[in-house]
Amino acid sequence: MKILLLDIETSLHKVYTFTLFKAYIPPKQIIEPTKVLCWAAKWLGEKKVHFSDCRDEDYINKIYKMVDEADGIIHYNGKSFDMKHLNREFLLRRLPPPSSYTNIDLLTTMRQNFKMASNKLEWVSVQLGYEGKIQHRGIQLWIDCQEKNDPKAWNEMKRYNVRDVTEMEPIYHDLLPWIKGHPNMGHYVTGDIVCSNCGSERVKKDGWERRTIVPYQRYRCLDCHKPLRGRKKVKRDENDEKLPQPSTV
């Protein structure tokens, strides 16, 4: 299975406005809409981080090819941000939809399972013991890249973009047993019982699932520690614990 870690940065809108305070800006006042400024991506388990920006005319085609190859894409708020911005760029270039993939949005996993003080990547990264995001000069960095095409600013933007991708990889491994709807790694492993999230065959029995009339065998992955449930009622053999009969009312 090919899983891609991905993060993008977008440019600032250029607009006409009568006020410096919060105001509605209609489309006719847009001088230049936002676009994907740059992207960083790496294949899960590989060291090389790919990067490209809008100074390269082929930068969207490059990330399109990677997205098209991916079975799953890891991002942070990417389902509502990164992937939609990329899809717009694909559409504007009349590229067909990339091959189907599964979004693995780590922000969604954080919101579903935990009550952190903040779910922002910067906070979560530090809380889990990692380096955190690179601090930068703020909006001036975007201005220096877009308007001045400053090489130093672009180098800073690249470091910032790449760090977001490299920080996501260890966080992904920490969150792996919590991720719902992860691409089924079992399709890529020949074992009889494997972990659906990491593909490990090191799985042990972990009691019985009895929330329904028909009981199922529960398992636990010994590598990523995800709790699993068998698909079929497992016949009890002599070495298994005695299965309690469900009570009736």
Protein backbone atom coordinates (compact mmCIF):
# COMPACT_ATOMS: atom_id res chain seq x y z
CA MET A 1 0.00 0.00 0.00
CA LYS A 2 1.28 3.47 -0.91
CA ILE A 3 0.48 6.10 1.71
CA LEU A 4 1.43 9.72 1.09
CA LEU A 5 2.05 12.40 3.72
CA LEU A 6 1.10 15.79 2.31
CA ASP A 7 0.94 19.47 3.27
CA ILE A 8 0.40 22.57 1.15
CA GLU A 9 0.73 26.32 1.62
CA THR A 10 -1.57 28.72 -0.22
CA SER A 11 -0.99 32.25 -1.46
CA LEU A 12 -2.76 35.37 -0.23
CA HIS A 13 -5.78 36.73 -2.10
CA LYS A 14 -5.13 40.10 -3.76
CA VAL A 15 -8.23 42.28 -3.51
CA TYR A 16 -9.51 45.86 -3.68
CA THR A 17 -11.07 47.07 -0.46
CA PHE A 18 -12.44 50.35 0.88
CA THR A 19 -11.72 49.53 4.50
CA LEU A 20 -8.99 48.02 6.59
CA PHE A 21 -11.54 46.60 9.01
CA LYS A 22 -13.48 43.36 8.69
CA ALA A 23 -15.68 43.59 5.62
CA TYR A 24 -17.36 41.51 2.94
CA ILE A 25 -15.32 41.57 -0.27
CA PRO A 26 -17.38 40.58 -3.35
CA PRO A 27 -15.79 38.56 -6.17
CA LYS A 28 -15.60 41.60 -8.50
CA GLN A 29 -13.03 43.12 -6.12
CA ILE A 30 -10.66 40.16 -6.44
CA ILE A 31 -7.50 41.05 -8.35
CA GLU A 32 -5.83 37.67 -8.00
CA PRO A 33 -7.38 34.69 -6.17
CA THR A 34 -5.48 32.34 -3.91
CA LYS A 35 -3.55 29.43 -5.39
CA VAL A 36 -1.36 26.62 -4.11
CA LEU A 37 1.88 28.38 -3.33
CA CYS A 38 3.93 25.26 -2.60
CA TRP A 39 3.63 21.69 -1.37
CA ALA A 40 5.71 19.11 0.49
CA ALA A 41 5.07 15.37 0.41
CA LYS A 42 6.75 12.09 1.27
CA TRP A 43 5.85 8.43 1.00
CA LEU A 44 5.29 6.79 4.36
CA GLY A 45 8.44 4.94 5.44
CA GLU A 46 10.73 6.71 2.97
CA LYS A 47 13.26 9.39 3.93
CA LYS A 48 13.03 11.68 0.92
CA VAL A 49 10.68 14.66 1.21
CA HIS A 50 9.55 16.05 -2.15
CA PHE A 51 8.94 19.80 -2.46
CA SER A 52 7.87 22.11 -5.25
CA ASP A 53 6.49 25.64 -5.53
CA CYS A 54 4.79 27.94 -8.02
CA ARG A 55 8.13 29.03 -9.54
CA ASP A 56 8.10 25.62 -11.24
CA GLU A 57 5.49 25.56 -14.02
CA ASP A 58 5.08 21.80 -13.55
CA TYR A 59 4.59 21.87 -9.76
CA ILE A 60 0.88 20.94 -9.86
CA ASN A 61 1.42 18.11 -12.34
CA LYS A 62 4.10 16.68 -10.03
CA ILE A 63 1.82 16.52 -6.99
CA TYR A 64 -1.04 15.26 -9.16
CA LYS A 65 1.03 12.22 -10.13
CA MET A 66 1.80 11.46 -6.48
CA VAL A 67 -1.84 11.85 -5.40
CA ASP A 68 -2.88 9.62 -8.31
CA GLU A 69 -0.52 6.87 -7.10
CA ALA A 70 -1.59 7.05 -3.45
CA ASP A 71 -3.92 4.55 -1.77
CA GLY A 72 -4.18 6.81 1.28
CA ILE A 73 -3.17 10.42 2.01
CA ILE A 74 -2.17 11.57 5.48
CA HIS A 75 -2.75 15.25 6.23
CA TYR A 76 -3.81 17.58 9.02
CA ASN A 77 -7.15 19.23 8.21
CA GLY A 78 -6.44 18.20 4.64
CA LYS A 79 -9.88 16.86 3.82
CA SER A 80 -11.43 20.32 4.01
CA PHE A 81 -8.33 22.37 3.10
CA ASP A 82 -5.33 20.82 1.32
CA MET A 83 -7.18 18.38 -0.92
CA LYS A 84 -9.86 20.88 -1.97
CA HIS A 85 -7.24 23.46 -2.91
CA LEU A 86 -5.37 20.83 -4.91
CA ASN A 87 -8.58 19.66 -6.58
CA ARG A 88 -9.21 23.25 -7.72
CA GLU A 89 -5.76 23.36 -9.31
CA PHE A 90 -6.39 20.01 -11.01
CA LEU A 91 -9.71 21.25 -12.38
CA LEU A 92 -8.28 24.54 -13.68
CA ARG A 93 -5.68 22.52 -15.60
CA ARG A 94 -8.39 20.17 -16.90
CA LEU A 95 -6.78 17.19 -15.20
CA PRO A 96 -9.13 14.24 -14.57
CA PRO A 97 -9.91 13.27 -10.97
CA PRO A 98 -7.00 11.31 -9.49
CA SER A 99 -7.48 7.62 -8.75
CA SER A 100 -9.47 6.91 -5.60
CA TYR A 101 -7.68 7.24 -2.29
CA THR A 102 -8.62 7.37 1.39
CA ASN A 103 -8.21 10.60 3.34
CA ILE A 104 -6.39 9.99 6.64
CA ASP A 105 -7.05 13.29 8.37
CA LEU A 106 -5.17 13.38 11.67
CA LEU A 107 -7.11 16.45 12.83
CA THR A 108 -10.35 14.48 12.50
CA THR A 109 -8.86 11.70 14.65
CA MET A 110 -7.79 14.22 17.29
CA ARG A 111 -11.25 15.80 17.43
CA GLN A 112 -13.05 12.45 17.55
CA ASN A 113 -11.02 10.91 20.36
CA PHE A 114 -9.28 13.50 22.53
CA LYS A 115 -9.88 16.73 24.43
CA MET A 116 -6.60 18.59 24.03
CA ALA A 117 -6.19 22.23 25.06
CA SER A 118 -5.75 22.82 21.33
CA ASN A 119 -5.98 20.51 18.35
CA LYS A 120 -3.58 22.58 16.25
CA LEU A 121 -0.64 20.64 14.83
CA GLU A 122 1.84 22.88 16.64
CA TRP A 123 0.34 22.07 20.06
CA VAL A 124 -0.27 18.37 19.44
CA SER A 125 3.27 17.88 18.15
CA VAL A 126 4.86 19.43 21.24
CA GLN A 127 2.49 17.62 23.61
CA LEU A 128 3.52 14.29 22.10
CA GLY A 129 7.20 15.14 22.58
CA TYR A 130 8.18 16.21 19.07
CA GLU A 131 9.84 19.38 17.76
CA GLY A 132 6.73 21.28 16.73
CA LYS A 133 6.25 23.63 13.81
CA ILE A 134 8.99 26.00 12.65
CA GLN A 135 8.36 29.58 13.82
CA HIS A 136 8.38 32.13 10.99
CA ARG A 137 7.98 35.87 10.37
CA GLY A 138 4.23 35.60 9.87
CA ILE A 139 2.36 37.03 6.89
CA GLN A 140 5.48 38.89 5.81
CA LEU A 141 6.94 35.55 4.75
CA TRP A 142 4.07 35.06 2.29
CA ILE A 143 4.48 38.64 0.99
CA ASP A 144 8.22 38.20 0.52
CA CYS A 145 7.62 34.98 -1.45
CA GLN A 146 4.71 36.23 -3.59
CA GLU A 147 5.69 39.85 -4.26
CA LYS A 148 9.47 39.97 -3.86
CA ASN A 149 10.33 36.41 -4.92
CA ASP A 150 13.00 36.56 -2.22
CA PRO A 151 15.20 33.41 -2.30
CA LYS A 152 15.75 33.56 1.48
CA ALA A 153 12.00 33.74 2.04
CA TRP A 154 11.45 30.77 -0.25
CA ASN A 155 14.05 28.75 1.66
CA GLU A 156 12.25 29.60 4.89
CA MET A 157 8.91 28.65 3.37
CA LYS A 158 10.35 25.32 2.22
CA ARG A 159 11.68 24.52 5.71
CA TYR A 160 8.32 25.44 7.23
CA ASN A 161 6.36 23.33 4.73
CA VAL A 162 8.68 20.31 4.94
CA ARG A 163 8.68 20.34 8.76
CA ASP A 164 4.87 20.01 8.81
CA VAL A 165 5.16 16.82 6.77
CA THR A 166 7.99 15.27 8.79
CA GLU A 167 6.17 16.10 12.06
CA MET A 168 3.03 14.32 10.87
CA GLU A 169 4.71 10.96 10.37
CA PRO A 170 5.46 10.13 14.04
CA ILE A 171 2.10 11.60 15.06
CA TYR A 172 0.45 9.28 12.54
CA HIS A 173 2.11 6.26 14.17
CA ASP A 174 0.95 7.43 17.61
CA LEU A 175 -2.62 7.87 16.39
CA LEU A 176 -2.70 4.77 14.18
CA PRO A 177 -4.73 2.53 16.57
CA TRP A 178 -7.25 5.37 17.00
CA ILE A 179 -7.81 6.12 13.29
CA LYS A 180 -11.26 5.14 12.02
CA GLY A 181 -11.74 4.30 8.35
CA HIS A 182 -8.03 3.68 7.75
CA PRO A 183 -7.27 1.91 4.43
CA ASN A 184 -7.41 -1.82 5.12
CA MET A 185 -3.83 -3.04 5.21
CA GLY A 186 -5.15 -6.60 5.41
CA HIS A 187 -5.70 -6.53 1.65
CA TYR A 188 -1.91 -6.42 1.20
CA VAL A 189 -1.00 -9.23 3.62
CA THR A 190 -1.52 -12.97 3.09
CA GLY A 191 -2.05 -13.95 6.74
CA ASP A 192 -5.39 -15.25 8.01
CA ILE A 193 -5.72 -12.67 10.81
CA VAL A 194 -3.94 -9.35 10.39
CA CYS A 195 -4.31 -5.82 11.75
CA SER A 196 -6.42 -3.74 9.40
CA ASN A 197 -4.54 -0.51 10.26
CA CYS A 198 -0.89 -1.57 10.17
CA GLY A 199 -0.97 -4.97 8.45
CA SER A 200 0.81 -6.78 11.29
CA GLU A 201 0.24 -10.52 11.69
CA ARG A 202 1.24 -10.25 15.37
CA VAL A 203 -2.32 -10.35 16.64
CA LYS A 204 -3.54 -12.01 19.84
CA LYS A 205 -6.99 -12.96 21.06
CA ASP A 206 -8.41 -10.39 23.46
CA GLY A 207 -11.70 -11.70 24.81
CA TRP A 208 -15.15 -11.69 23.28
CA GLU A 209 -17.31 -9.02 21.70
CA ARG A 210 -20.83 -9.49 23.08
CA ARG A 211 -22.64 -6.29 22.23
CA THR A 212 -24.88 -8.24 19.85
CA ILE A 213 -26.76 -11.54 20.15
CA VAL A 214 -24.03 -13.27 18.15
CA PRO A 215 -20.63 -13.11 19.92
CA TYR A 216 -17.42 -12.35 18.03
CA GLN A 217 -13.80 -12.94 18.87
CA ARG A 218 -11.87 -9.81 19.82
CA TYR A 219 -8.18 -9.34 18.99
CA ARG A 220 -5.42 -6.89 19.81
CA CYS A 221 -2.58 -5.93 17.47
CA LEU A 222 0.75 -6.35 19.26
CA ASP A 223 2.46 -3.75 17.04
CA CYS A 224 0.16 -0.71 16.76
CA HIS A 225 -2.15 -1.94 19.60
CA LYS A 226 -5.37 -1.40 17.69
CA PRO A 227 -8.36 -3.34 19.09
CA LEU A 228 -9.87 -5.60 16.42
CA ARG A 229 -12.95 -7.75 16.03
CA GLY A 230 -13.34 -10.90 13.98
CA ARG A 231 -15.90 -10.89 11.20
CA LYS A 232 -17.38 -14.29 11.98
CA LYS A 233 -18.49 -16.13 15.08
CA VAL A 234 -15.47 -18.21 16.04
CA LYS A 235 -16.07 -21.78 17.14
CA ARG A 236 -14.63 -22.40 20.59
CA ASP A 237 -12.00 -25.10 20.84
CA GLU A 238 -10.79 -26.90 23.97
CA ASN A 239 -8.03 -24.37 24.64
CA ASP A 240 -10.30 -21.32 24.55
CA GLU A 241 -11.88 -19.81 27.61
CA LYS A 242 -15.47 -20.84 28.17
CA LEU A 243 -17.72 -18.45 26.33
CA PRO A 244 -20.46 -17.17 28.67
CA GLN A 245 -23.94 -17.55 27.25
CA PRO A 246 -25.80 -14.28 26.64
CA SER A 247 -28.48 -13.60 29.23
CA THR A 248 -32.10 -13.24 28.23
CA VAL A 249 -34.72 -11.00 29.70
